[in-house]
């Protein structure tokens, strides 16, 4: 069983930045892709960004150029650097390991 724990969410003004972290337990972190999803109230969960075991990345069109996903296999941690945040980025952000294990989520609110 893998446990994922997200941190770094909070309230930020439009144009601000946040960095989310997701720490994973176990020894298999480096073998699997990791991804960040988000779900806003009344909306379906959507993929934000994904990083493969080899470091290749995929981004939703809505966050390209503003968000950066990265991973540190030595620390079993995946990050999501979010810059130039917009009110429409407000959501609960969750990380997943290969779509099998999920964290509890962290709230990101972008508001003035």
C-alpha atoms as a PDB file:
ATOM      1  CA  UNK A   1       0.000   0.000   0.000  1.00  0.00           C
ATOM      2  CA  UNK A   2       1.353   3.412  -1.035  1.00  0.00           C
ATOM      3  CA  UNK A   3       0.438   6.532   0.894  1.00  0.00           C
ATOM      4  CA  UNK A   4       0.530   9.940  -0.748  1.00  0.00           C
ATOM      5  CA  UNK A   5       0.510  13.146   1.278  1.00  0.00           C
ATOM      6  CA  UNK A   6       0.055  16.511  -0.421  1.00  0.00           C
ATOM      7  CA  UNK A   7       1.045  19.862   1.022  1.00  0.00           C
ATOM      8  CA  UNK A   8       1.523  23.442  -0.073  1.00  0.00           C
ATOM      9  CA  UNK A   9      -2.003  24.542  -0.842  1.00  0.00           C
ATOM     10  CA  UNK A  10      -3.511  27.770   0.406  1.00  0.00           C
ATOM     11  CA  UNK A  11      -4.974  31.134  -0.483  1.00  0.00           C
ATOM     12  CA  UNK A  12      -3.138  33.267  -3.010  1.00  0.00           C
ATOM     13  CA  UNK A  13      -3.954  36.388  -4.978  1.00  0.00           C
ATOM     14  CA  UNK A  14      -4.313  36.289  -8.764  1.00  0.00           C
ATOM     15  CA  UNK A  15      -0.891  36.384 -10.368  1.00  0.00           C
ATOM     16  CA  UNK A  16       0.712  34.724  -7.366  1.00  0.00           C
ATOM     17  CA  UNK A  17       2.550  31.432  -7.050  1.00  0.00           C
ATOM     18  CA  UNK A  18       2.346  28.253  -5.014  1.00  0.00           C
ATOM     19  CA  UNK A  19       4.329  25.047  -4.978  1.00  0.00           C
ATOM     20  CA  UNK A  20       2.541  21.837  -4.161  1.00  0.00           C
ATOM     21  CA  UNK A  21       4.377  18.767  -2.904  1.00  0.00           C
ATOM     22  CA  UNK A  22       3.284  15.148  -2.810  1.00  0.00           C
ATOM     23  CA  UNK A  23       5.355  12.740  -0.738  1.00  0.00           C
ATOM     24  CA  UNK A  24       4.970   9.028  -1.356  1.00  0.00           C
ATOM     25  CA  UNK A  25       5.715   6.091   0.893  1.00  0.00           C
ATOM     26  CA  UNK A  26       7.294   2.856  -0.241  1.00  0.00           C
ATOM     27  CA  UNK A  27      10.110   1.933  -2.564  1.00  0.00           C
ATOM     28  CA  UNK A  28       8.364   1.916  -5.930  1.00  0.00           C
ATOM     29  CA  UNK A  29       8.016   5.654  -6.494  1.00  0.00           C
ATOM     30  CA  UNK A  30      10.661   5.822  -9.226  1.00  0.00           C
ATOM     31  CA  UNK A  31       8.966   3.100 -11.274  1.00  0.00           C
ATOM     32  CA  UNK A  32       5.657   4.821 -11.974  1.00  0.00           C
ATOM     33  CA  UNK A  33       4.267   7.945 -13.519  1.00  0.00           C
ATOM     34  CA  UNK A  34       2.960  10.577 -11.152  1.00  0.00           C
ATOM     35  CA  UNK A  35       0.235  13.076 -11.869  1.00  0.00           C
ATOM     36  CA  UNK A  36      -1.636  16.008 -10.413  1.00  0.00           C
ATOM     37  CA  UNK A  37      -5.380  16.307 -10.864  1.00  0.00           C
ATOM     38  CA  UNK A  38      -7.759  18.980  -9.693  1.00  0.00           C
ATOM     39  CA  UNK A  39     -11.450  19.222  -9.027  1.00  0.00           C
ATOM     40  CA  UNK A  40     -13.352  22.459  -8.702  1.00  0.00           C
ATOM     41  CA  UNK A  41     -16.792  22.657  -7.085  1.00  0.00           C
ATOM     42  CA  UNK A  42     -19.452  21.346  -9.436  1.00  0.00           C
ATOM     43  CA  UNK A  43     -16.916  20.213 -12.026  1.00  0.00           C
ATOM     44  CA  UNK A  44     -15.344  16.923 -12.995  1.00  0.00           C
ATOM     45  CA  UNK A  45     -11.851  16.029 -11.930  1.00  0.00           C
ATOM     46  CA  UNK A  46      -9.326  16.938 -14.596  1.00  0.00           C
ATOM     47  CA  UNK A  47      -5.693  16.155 -15.292  1.00  0.00           C
ATOM     48  CA  UNK A  48      -3.377  19.080 -14.603  1.00  0.00           C
ATOM     49  CA  UNK A  49       0.044  17.584 -15.291  1.00  0.00           C
ATOM     50  CA  UNK A  50       1.806  14.246 -15.471  1.00  0.00           C
ATOM     51  CA  UNK A  51       5.440  13.161 -15.271  1.00  0.00           C
ATOM     52  CA  UNK A  52       6.617   9.756 -16.414  1.00  0.00           C
ATOM     53  CA  UNK A  53       9.159   7.582 -14.651  1.00  0.00           C
ATOM     54  CA  UNK A  54      11.684   8.874 -17.178  1.00  0.00           C
ATOM     55  CA  UNK A  55      10.810  12.509 -16.638  1.00  0.00           C
ATOM     56  CA  UNK A  56       8.631  13.216 -19.671  1.00  0.00           C
ATOM     57  CA  UNK A  57       5.825  15.647 -18.935  1.00  0.00           C
ATOM     58  CA  UNK A  58       2.302  16.335 -20.130  1.00  0.00           C
ATOM     59  CA  UNK A  59       0.218  19.397 -19.278  1.00  0.00           C
ATOM     60  CA  UNK A  60      -3.373  20.448 -19.647  1.00  0.00           C
ATOM     61  CA  UNK A  61      -3.693  23.254 -22.169  1.00  0.00           C
ATOM     62  CA  UNK A  62      -5.096  25.529 -19.489  1.00  0.00           C
ATOM     63  CA  UNK A  63      -1.875  25.419 -17.437  1.00  0.00           C
ATOM     64  CA  UNK A  64       0.828  25.212 -20.109  1.00  0.00           C
ATOM     65  CA  UNK A  65       3.457  27.874 -19.608  1.00  0.00           C
ATOM     66  CA  UNK A  66       2.324  28.553 -16.043  1.00  0.00           C
ATOM     67  CA  UNK A  67       2.676  25.241 -14.190  1.00  0.00           C
ATOM     68  CA  UNK A  68       5.689  22.934 -13.975  1.00  0.00           C
ATOM     69  CA  UNK A  69       5.637  19.370 -12.714  1.00  0.00           C
ATOM     70  CA  UNK A  70       8.826  17.730 -11.479  1.00  0.00           C
ATOM     71  CA  UNK A  71       9.885  14.748  -9.436  1.00  0.00           C
ATOM     72  CA  UNK A  72      12.700  13.909  -7.049  1.00  0.00           C
ATOM     73  CA  UNK A  73      13.061  10.150  -6.894  1.00  0.00           C
ATOM     74  CA  UNK A  74      15.582  10.376  -4.052  1.00  0.00           C
ATOM     75  CA  UNK A  75      12.915  12.054  -1.930  1.00  0.00           C
ATOM     76  CA  UNK A  76       9.913  10.110  -3.276  1.00  0.00           C
ATOM     77  CA  UNK A  77       8.288  13.451  -3.994  1.00  0.00           C
ATOM     78  CA  UNK A  78       6.529  15.059  -6.923  1.00  0.00           C
ATOM     79  CA  UNK A  79       6.078  18.814  -7.145  1.00  0.00           C
ATOM     80  CA  UNK A  80       3.767  21.189  -8.953  1.00  0.00           C
ATOM     81  CA  UNK A  81       5.083  24.724  -9.306  1.00  0.00           C
ATOM     82  CA  UNK A  82       2.165  27.004 -10.116  1.00  0.00           C
ATOM     83  CA  UNK A  83       2.855  30.523 -11.347  1.00  0.00           C
ATOM     84  CA  UNK A  84       0.597  33.318 -12.554  1.00  0.00           C
ATOM     85  CA  UNK A  85      -2.348  31.738 -10.802  1.00  0.00           C
ATOM     86  CA  UNK A  86      -5.847  32.627 -11.913  1.00  0.00           C
ATOM     87  CA  UNK A  87      -9.194  32.416 -10.097  1.00  0.00           C
ATOM     88  CA  UNK A  88     -10.162  29.529 -12.372  1.00  0.00           C
ATOM     89  CA  UNK A  89      -7.273  27.512 -10.911  1.00  0.00           C
ATOM     90  CA  UNK A  90      -9.193  27.307  -7.630  1.00  0.00           C
ATOM     91  CA  UNK A  91      -9.746  23.633  -6.844  1.00  0.00           C
ATOM     92  CA  UNK A  92      -8.722  20.719  -4.685  1.00  0.00           C
ATOM     93  CA  UNK A  93      -5.466  19.373  -6.085  1.00  0.00           C
ATOM     94  CA  UNK A  94      -4.661  15.688  -5.657  1.00  0.00           C
ATOM     95  CA  UNK A  95      -1.676  13.623  -6.676  1.00  0.00           C
ATOM     96  CA  UNK A  96      -1.760  10.056  -7.900  1.00  0.00           C
ATOM     97  CA  UNK A  97       0.738   7.323  -8.497  1.00  0.00           C
ATOM     98  CA  UNK A  98      -0.143   5.625 -11.752  1.00  0.00           C
ATOM     99  CA  UNK A  99      -3.811   6.273 -11.137  1.00  0.00           C
ATOM    100  CA  UNK A 100      -3.837   3.567  -8.515  1.00  0.00           C
ATOM    101  CA  UNK A 101      -3.056   5.440  -5.323  1.00  0.00           C
ATOM    102  CA  UNK A 102      -4.370   8.896  -4.459  1.00  0.00           C
ATOM    103  CA  UNK A 103      -3.621  11.512  -1.877  1.00  0.00           C
ATOM    104  CA  UNK A 104      -6.246  13.255   0.196  1.00  0.00           C
ATOM    105  CA  UNK A 105      -5.941  16.512  -1.711  1.00  0.00           C
ATOM    106  CA  UNK A 106      -4.956  20.057  -0.867  1.00  0.00           C
ATOM    107  CA  UNK A 107      -7.090  23.145  -1.412  1.00  0.00           C
ATOM    108  CA  UNK A 108      -5.843  25.923  -3.672  1.00  0.00           C
ATOM    109  CA  UNK A 109      -7.860  29.137  -3.659  1.00  0.00           C
ATOM    110  CA  UNK A 110      -6.997  32.025  -5.948  1.00  0.00           C
ATOM    111  CA  UNK A 111      -8.819  35.159  -4.938  1.00  0.00           C
ATOM    112  CA  UNK A 112      -8.267  38.810  -4.228  1.00  0.00           C
END
